[in-house]
Each structure stands twice: as C-alpha cells, then as structure tokens.
C-alpha cells in the first residue's frame, strides 16, 4: 500500500526518485502545498475507495497519518 501511496504522492513532487517513508512530513519534506494536498487527498480517496472528510485533511501531516486514515 505504501507503494500505491508513493505513486500518488509522486504526482505532486518534483523529485520522481524519492523513497516515501512513513515519517515524512507532507508539506515540508515533500513540498506539497495546501492546494496540492487537497488534490492528493482526492486521489487517495479514489485509489483506496474511501472518503476523508474535509475537516480531517488539516490533521494529515505525515505519510503515516494518511496511511492510518486509509486503514493500513
């Protein structure tokens, strides 16, 4: 599942060769801005067939936060 998430995150970063780890911070480590974060979450929802409420997006700070929400 981490590989699937990495494919999604890669769309929003400039570095296509990075290795995604659970403790990466979405905004500072990966350089994802707030608009990209919302778009990325939409992609995550579609890929994992889940719904993440808008109010929960602000709490998704790290890759692990996203994985936990997805239920992995």
PDB file of N, CA and C in Angstrom:
ATOM      1  N   UNK A   1       0.806  -1.193   0.000  1.00  0.00           N
ATOM      2  CA  UNK A   1       0.000   0.000   0.000  1.00  0.00           C
ATOM      3  C   UNK A   1       0.856   1.268   0.000  1.00  0.00           C
ATOM      4  N   UNK A   2       2.020   1.188   0.643  1.00  0.00           N
ATOM      5  CA  UNK A   2       2.921   2.339   0.645  1.00  0.00           C
ATOM      6  C   UNK A   2       3.359   2.662  -0.781  1.00  0.00           C
ATOM      7  N   UNK A   3       3.544   1.628  -1.595  1.00  0.00           N
ATOM      8  CA  UNK A   3       3.928   1.850  -2.988  1.00  0.00           C
ATOM      9  C   UNK A   3       2.825   2.579  -3.755  1.00  0.00           C
ATOM     10  N   UNK A   4       1.595   2.208  -3.486  1.00  0.00           N
ATOM     11  CA  UNK A   4       0.460   2.848  -4.144  1.00  0.00           C
ATOM     12  C   UNK A   4       0.376   4.323  -3.738  1.00  0.00           C
ATOM     13  N   UNK A   5       0.586   4.583  -2.453  1.00  0.00           N
ATOM     14  CA  UNK A   5       0.581   5.957  -1.973  1.00  0.00           C
ATOM     15  C   UNK A   5       1.748   6.736  -2.568  1.00  0.00           C
ATOM     16  N   UNK A   6       2.899   6.089  -2.704  1.00  0.00           N
ATOM     17  CA  UNK A   6       4.058   6.752  -3.304  1.00  0.00           C
ATOM     18  C   UNK A   6       3.763   7.170  -4.736  1.00  0.00           C
ATOM     19  N   UNK A   7       3.068   6.337  -5.482  1.00  0.00           N
ATOM     20  CA  UNK A   7       2.699   6.689  -6.859  1.00  0.00           C
ATOM     21  C   UNK A   7       1.834   7.948  -6.879  1.00  0.00           C
ATOM     22  N   UNK A   8       0.916   8.039  -5.932  1.00  0.00           N
ATOM     23  CA  UNK A   8       0.043   9.207  -5.855  1.00  0.00           C
ATOM     24  C   UNK A   8       0.846  10.444  -5.463  1.00  0.00           C
ATOM     25  N   UNK A   9       1.661  10.331  -4.428  1.00  0.00           N
ATOM     26  CA  UNK A   9       2.438  11.473  -3.926  1.00  0.00           C
ATOM     27  C   UNK A   9       3.409  11.964  -4.990  1.00  0.00           C
ATOM     28  N   UNK A  10       3.971  11.056  -5.759  1.00  0.00           N
ATOM     29  CA  UNK A  10       4.949  11.407  -6.793  1.00  0.00           C
ATOM     30  C   UNK A  10       4.375  12.421  -7.790  1.00  0.00           C
ATOM     31  N   UNK A  11       3.086  12.385  -8.020  1.00  0.00           N
ATOM     32  CA  UNK A  11       2.446  13.332  -8.941  1.00  0.00           C
ATOM     33  C   UNK A  11       2.555  14.777  -8.459  1.00  0.00           C
ATOM     34  N   UNK A  12       2.783  14.951  -7.164  1.00  0.00           N
ATOM     35  CA  UNK A  12       2.779  16.288  -6.570  1.00  0.00           C
ATOM     36  C   UNK A  12       4.159  16.761  -6.114  1.00  0.00           C
ATOM     37  N   UNK A  13       5.186  16.026  -6.455  1.00  0.00           N
ATOM     38  CA  UNK A  13       6.550  16.414  -6.086  1.00  0.00           C
ATOM     39  C   UNK A  13       7.402  16.567  -7.339  1.00  0.00           C
ATOM     40  N   UNK A  14       8.494  17.279  -7.180  1.00  0.00           N
ATOM     41  CA  UNK A  14       9.423  17.467  -8.295  1.00  0.00           C
ATOM     42  C   UNK A  14      10.430  16.329  -8.400  1.00  0.00           C
ATOM     43  N   UNK A  15      10.590  15.582  -7.324  1.00  0.00           N
ATOM     44  CA  UNK A  15      11.583  14.511  -7.267  1.00  0.00           C
ATOM     45  C   UNK A  15      10.913  13.174  -7.533  1.00  0.00           C
ATOM     46  N   UNK A  16      11.123  12.635  -8.710  1.00  0.00           N
ATOM     47  CA  UNK A  16      10.487  11.366  -9.064  1.00  0.00           C
ATOM     48  C   UNK A  16      11.228  10.152  -8.502  1.00  0.00           C
ATOM     49  N   UNK A  17      12.414  10.359  -7.945  1.00  0.00           N
ATOM     50  CA  UNK A  17      13.221   9.244  -7.455  1.00  0.00           C
ATOM     51  C   UNK A  17      13.174   9.076  -5.941  1.00  0.00           C
ATOM     52  N   UNK A  18      12.344   9.851  -5.251  1.00  0.00           N
ATOM     53  CA  UNK A  18      12.327   9.771  -3.791  1.00  0.00           C
ATOM     54  C   UNK A  18      11.720   8.453  -3.331  1.00  0.00           C
ATOM     55  N   UNK A  19      12.087   8.063  -2.132  1.00  0.00           N
ATOM     56  CA  UNK A  19      11.524   6.880  -1.493  1.00  0.00           C
ATOM     57  C   UNK A  19      10.634   7.375  -0.361  1.00  0.00           C
ATOM     58  N   UNK A  20       9.369   7.072  -0.419  1.00  0.00           N
ATOM     59  CA  UNK A  20       8.409   7.525   0.574  1.00  0.00           C
ATOM     60  C   UNK A  20       8.573   6.724   1.854  1.00  0.00           C
ATOM     61  N   UNK A  21       8.646   7.423   2.981  1.00  0.00           N
ATOM     62  CA  UNK A  21       8.696   6.765   4.291  1.00  0.00           C
ATOM     63  C   UNK A  21       7.552   7.298   5.136  1.00  0.00           C
ATOM     64  N   UNK A  22       7.166   6.529   6.122  1.00  0.00           N
ATOM     65  CA  UNK A  22       6.014   6.884   6.948  1.00  0.00           C
ATOM     66  C   UNK A  22       6.181   8.176   7.728  1.00  0.00           C
ATOM     67  N   UNK A  23       7.405   8.521   8.099  1.00  0.00           N
ATOM     68  CA  UNK A  23       7.589   9.709   8.929  1.00  0.00           C
ATOM     69  C   UNK A  23       7.861  10.980   8.129  1.00  0.00           C
ATOM     70  N   UNK A  24       7.716  10.934   6.815  1.00  0.00           N
ATOM     71  CA  UNK A  24       7.875  12.141   6.001  1.00  0.00           C
ATOM     72  C   UNK A  24       6.715  13.095   6.260  1.00  0.00           C
ATOM     73  N   UNK A  25       7.050  14.365   6.384  1.00  0.00           N
ATOM     74  CA  UNK A  25       6.048  15.404   6.571  1.00  0.00           C
ATOM     75  C   UNK A  25       5.628  15.888   5.189  1.00  0.00           C
ATOM     76  N   UNK A  26       4.337  15.834   4.938  1.00  0.00           N
ATOM     77  CA  UNK A  26       3.815  16.117   3.602  1.00  0.00           C
ATOM     78  C   UNK A  26       4.230  17.492   3.091  1.00  0.00           C
ATOM     79  N   UNK A  27       4.081  18.509   3.912  1.00  0.00           N
ATOM     80  CA  UNK A  27       4.322  19.866   3.432  1.00  0.00           C
ATOM     81  C   UNK A  27       5.807  20.211   3.382  1.00  0.00           C
ATOM     82  N   UNK A  28       6.544  19.946   4.441  1.00  0.00           N
ATOM     83  CA  UNK A  28       7.949  20.381   4.451  1.00  0.00           C
ATOM     84  C   UNK A  28       8.890  19.390   3.765  1.00  0.00           C
ATOM     85  N   UNK A  29       8.737  18.110   4.024  1.00  0.00           N
ATOM     86  CA  UNK A  29       9.646  17.123   3.417  1.00  0.00           C
ATOM     87  C   UNK A  29       9.352  16.912   1.931  1.00  0.00           C
ATOM     88  N   UNK A  30       8.087  16.935   1.582  1.00  0.00           N
ATOM     89  CA  UNK A  30       7.706  16.653   0.203  1.00  0.00           C
ATOM     90  C   UNK A  30       7.363  17.909  -0.594  1.00  0.00           C
ATOM     91  N   UNK A  31       7.245  19.040   0.092  1.00  0.00           N
ATOM     92  CA  UNK A  31       6.983  20.302  -0.593  1.00  0.00           C
ATOM     93  C   UNK A  31       5.581  20.410  -1.175  1.00  0.00           C
ATOM     94  N   UNK A  32       4.640  19.729  -0.573  1.00  0.00           N
ATOM     95  CA  UNK A  32       3.262  19.759  -1.059  1.00  0.00           C
ATOM     96  C   UNK A  32       2.553  20.962  -0.447  1.00  0.00           C
ATOM     97  N   UNK A  33       2.005  21.823  -1.285  1.00  0.00           N
ATOM     98  CA  UNK A  33       1.280  22.987  -0.763  1.00  0.00           C
ATOM     99  C   UNK A  33      -0.162  22.601  -0.442  1.00  0.00           C
ATOM    100  N   UNK A  34      -0.915  23.539   0.129  1.00  0.00           N
ATOM    101  CA  UNK A  34      -2.266  23.211   0.590  1.00  0.00           C
ATOM    102  C   UNK A  34      -3.189  22.808  -0.562  1.00  0.00           C
ATOM    103  N   UNK A  35      -3.074  23.458  -1.698  1.00  0.00           N
ATOM    104  CA  UNK A  35      -3.892  23.084  -2.854  1.00  0.00           C
ATOM    105  C   UNK A  35      -3.549  21.668  -3.318  1.00  0.00           C
ATOM    106  N   UNK A  36      -2.256  21.378  -3.430  1.00  0.00           N
ATOM    107  CA  UNK A  36      -1.821  20.047  -3.858  1.00  0.00           C
ATOM    108  C   UNK A  36      -2.250  18.986  -2.852  1.00  0.00           C
ATOM    109  N   UNK A  37      -2.246  19.344  -1.563  1.00  0.00           N
ATOM    110  CA  UNK A  37      -2.659  18.392  -0.532  1.00  0.00           C
ATOM    111  C   UNK A  37      -4.116  17.984  -0.739  1.00  0.00           C
ATOM    112  N   UNK A  38      -4.963  18.951  -0.998  1.00  0.00           N
ATOM    113  CA  UNK A  38      -6.377  18.650  -1.240  1.00  0.00           C
ATOM    114  C   UNK A  38      -6.528  17.766  -2.482  1.00  0.00           C
ATOM    115  N   UNK A  39      -5.809  18.090  -3.540  1.00  0.00           N
ATOM    116  CA  UNK A  39      -5.865  17.284  -4.758  1.00  0.00           C
ATOM    117  C   UNK A  39      -5.340  15.872  -4.504  1.00  0.00           C
ATOM    118  N   UNK A  40      -4.249  15.777  -3.743  1.00  0.00           N
ATOM    119  CA  UNK A  40      -3.673  14.477  -3.430  1.00  0.00           C
ATOM    120  C   UNK A  40      -4.652  13.637  -2.617  1.00  0.00           C
ATOM    121  N   UNK A  41      -5.331  14.254  -1.659  1.00  0.00           N
ATOM    122  CA  UNK A  41      -6.301  13.521  -0.842  1.00  0.00           C
ATOM    123  C   UNK A  41      -7.444  13.014  -1.717  1.00  0.00           C
ATOM    124  N   UNK A  42      -7.858  13.797  -2.687  1.00  0.00           N
ATOM    125  CA  UNK A  42      -8.892  13.330  -3.630  1.00  0.00           C
ATOM    126  C   UNK A  42      -8.409  12.089  -4.369  1.00  0.00           C
ATOM    127  N   UNK A  43      -7.146  12.098  -4.777  1.00  0.00           N
ATOM    128  CA  UNK A  43      -6.570  10.929  -5.452  1.00  0.00           C
ATOM    129  C   UNK A  43      -6.505   9.726  -4.519  1.00  0.00           C
ATOM    130  N   UNK A  44      -6.155   9.968  -3.252  1.00  0.00           N
ATOM    131  CA  UNK A  44      -6.096   8.889  -2.254  1.00  0.00           C
ATOM    132  C   UNK A  44      -7.491   8.301  -2.053  1.00  0.00           C
ATOM    133  N   UNK A  45      -8.488   9.170  -1.941  1.00  0.00           N
ATOM    134  CA  UNK A  45      -9.864   8.697  -1.760  1.00  0.00           C
ATOM    135  C   UNK A  45     -10.281   7.786  -2.919  1.00  0.00           C
ATOM    136  N   UNK A  46      -9.955   8.209  -4.110  1.00  0.00           N
ATOM    137  CA  UNK A  46     -10.319   7.414  -5.289  1.00  0.00           C
ATOM    138  C   UNK A  46      -9.560   6.094  -5.342  1.00  0.00           C
ATOM    139  N   UNK A  47      -8.262   6.158  -5.077  1.00  0.00           N
ATOM    140  CA  UNK A  47      -7.421   4.958  -5.177  1.00  0.00           C
ATOM    141  C   UNK A  47      -7.766   3.907  -4.123  1.00  0.00           C
ATOM    142  N   UNK A  48      -8.128   4.363  -2.921  1.00  0.00           N
ATOM    143  CA  UNK A  48      -8.388   3.429  -1.828  1.00  0.00           C
ATOM    144  C   UNK A  48      -9.883   3.264  -1.546  1.00  0.00           C
ATOM    145  N   UNK A  49     -10.725   3.896  -2.369  1.00  0.00           N
ATOM    146  CA  UNK A  49     -12.179   3.807  -2.242  1.00  0.00           C
ATOM    147  C   UNK A  49     -12.649   4.152  -0.826  1.00  0.00           C
ATOM    148  N   UNK A  50     -12.202   5.315  -0.363  1.00  0.00           N
ATOM    149  CA  UNK A  50     -12.590   5.820   0.948  1.00  0.00           C
ATOM    150  C   UNK A  50     -13.026   7.273   0.799  1.00  0.00           C
ATOM    151  N   UNK A  51     -13.588   7.822   1.876  1.00  0.00           N
ATOM    152  CA  UNK A  51     -13.926   9.240   1.897  1.00  0.00           C
ATOM    153  C   UNK A  51     -13.289   9.857   3.131  1.00  0.00           C
ATOM    154  N   UNK A  52     -12.520  10.913   2.916  1.00  0.00           N
ATOM    155  CA  UNK A  52     -11.873  11.635   4.002  1.00  0.00           C
ATOM    156  C   UNK A  52     -12.589  12.975   4.137  1.00  0.00           C
ATOM    157  N   UNK A  53     -13.221  13.220   5.287  1.00  0.00           N
ATOM    158  CA  UNK A  53     -13.929  14.489   5.462  1.00  0.00           C
ATOM    159  C   UNK A  53     -12.977  15.678   5.356  1.00  0.00           C
ATOM    160  N   UNK A  54     -13.475  16.777   4.820  1.00  0.00           N
ATOM    161  CA  UNK A  54     -12.651  17.973   4.654  1.00  0.00           C
ATOM    162  C   UNK A  54     -12.003  18.396   5.969  1.00  0.00           C
ATOM    163  N   UNK A  55     -12.741  18.290   7.066  1.00  0.00           N
ATOM    164  CA  UNK A  55     -12.208  18.720   8.365  1.00  0.00           C
ATOM    165  C   UNK A  55     -11.030  17.860   8.833  1.00  0.00           C
ATOM    166  N   UNK A  56     -10.885  16.666   8.280  1.00  0.00           N
ATOM    167  CA  UNK A  56      -9.798  15.768   8.666  1.00  0.00           C
ATOM    168  C   UNK A  56      -8.508  16.063   7.910  1.00  0.00           C
ATOM    169  N   UNK A  57      -8.601  16.749   6.783  1.00  0.00           N
ATOM    170  CA  UNK A  57      -7.426  16.975   5.946  1.00  0.00           C
ATOM    171  C   UNK A  57      -6.344  17.750   6.690  1.00  0.00           C
ATOM    172  N   UNK A  58      -6.736  18.737   7.489  1.00  0.00           N
ATOM    173  CA  UNK A  58      -5.757  19.520   8.237  1.00  0.00           C
ATOM    174  C   UNK A  58      -4.947  18.694   9.221  1.00  0.00           C
ATOM    175  N   UNK A  59      -5.473  17.568   9.646  1.00  0.00           N
ATOM    176  CA  UNK A  59      -4.768  16.698  10.583  1.00  0.00           C
ATOM    177  C   UNK A  59      -3.825  15.715   9.921  1.00  0.00           C
ATOM    178  N   UNK A  60      -3.815  15.698   8.615  1.00  0.00           N
ATOM    179  CA  UNK A  60      -2.937  14.782   7.890  1.00  0.00           C
ATOM    180  C   UNK A  60      -1.610  15.482   7.634  1.00  0.00           C
ATOM    181  N   UNK A  61      -0.684  15.309   8.553  1.00  0.00           N
ATOM    182  CA  UNK A  61       0.612  15.993   8.482  1.00  0.00           C
ATOM    183  C   UNK A  61       1.719  15.126   7.887  1.00  0.00           C
ATOM    184  N   UNK A  62       1.672  13.839   8.178  1.00  0.00           N
ATOM    185  CA  UNK A  62       2.727  12.926   7.731  1.00  0.00           C
ATOM    186  C   UNK A  62       2.148  11.827   6.840  1.00  0.00           C
ATOM    187  N   UNK A  63       3.031  11.119   6.193  1.00  0.00           N
ATOM    188  CA  UNK A  63       2.622   9.973   5.381  1.00  0.00           C
ATOM    189  C   UNK A  63       1.923   8.951   6.271  1.00  0.00           C
ATOM    190  N   UNK A  64       2.427   8.757   7.473  1.00  0.00           N
ATOM    191  CA  UNK A  64       1.814   7.801   8.409  1.00  0.00           C
ATOM    192  C   UNK A  64       0.393   8.211   8.745  1.00  0.00           C
ATOM    193  N   UNK A  65       0.125   9.510   8.902  1.00  0.00           N
ATOM    194  CA  UNK A  65      -1.228   9.999   9.159  1.00  0.00           C
ATOM    195  C   UNK A  65      -2.174   9.566   8.032  1.00  0.00           C
ATOM    196  N   UNK A  66      -1.715   9.702   6.811  1.00  0.00           N
ATOM    197  CA  UNK A  66      -2.533   9.314   5.655  1.00  0.00           C
ATOM    198  C   UNK A  66      -2.753   7.806   5.668  1.00  0.00           C
ATOM    199  N   UNK A  67      -1.700   7.055   5.910  1.00  0.00           N
ATOM    200  CA  UNK A  67      -1.824   5.594   5.949  1.00  0.00           C
ATOM    201  C   UNK A  67      -2.776   5.151   7.048  1.00  0.00           C
ATOM    202  N   UNK A  68      -2.690   5.785   8.214  1.00  0.00           N
ATOM    203  CA  UNK A  68      -3.584   5.446   9.311  1.00  0.00           C
ATOM    204  C   UNK A  68      -5.034   5.741   8.942  1.00  0.00           C
ATOM    205  N   UNK A  69      -5.258   6.848   8.269  1.00  0.00           N
ATOM    206  CA  UNK A  69      -6.620   7.179   7.883  1.00  0.00           C
ATOM    207  C   UNK A  69      -7.165   6.199   6.847  1.00  0.00           C
ATOM    208  N   UNK A  70      -6.282   5.783   5.955  1.00  0.00           N
ATOM    209  CA  UNK A  70      -6.695   4.815   4.932  1.00  0.00           C
ATOM    210  C   UNK A  70      -6.965   3.459   5.570  1.00  0.00           C
ATOM    211  N   UNK A  71      -6.368   3.234   6.726  1.00  0.00           N
ATOM    212  CA  UNK A  71      -6.597   1.987   7.434  1.00  0.00           C
ATOM    213  C   UNK A  71      -5.560   0.921   7.183  1.00  0.00           C
ATOM    214  N   UNK A  72      -4.384   1.371   6.822  1.00  0.00           N
ATOM    215  CA  UNK A  72      -3.286   0.433   6.527  1.00  0.00           C
ATOM    216  C   UNK A  72      -2.445   0.243   7.771  1.00  0.00           C
TER     217      UNK A  72
END
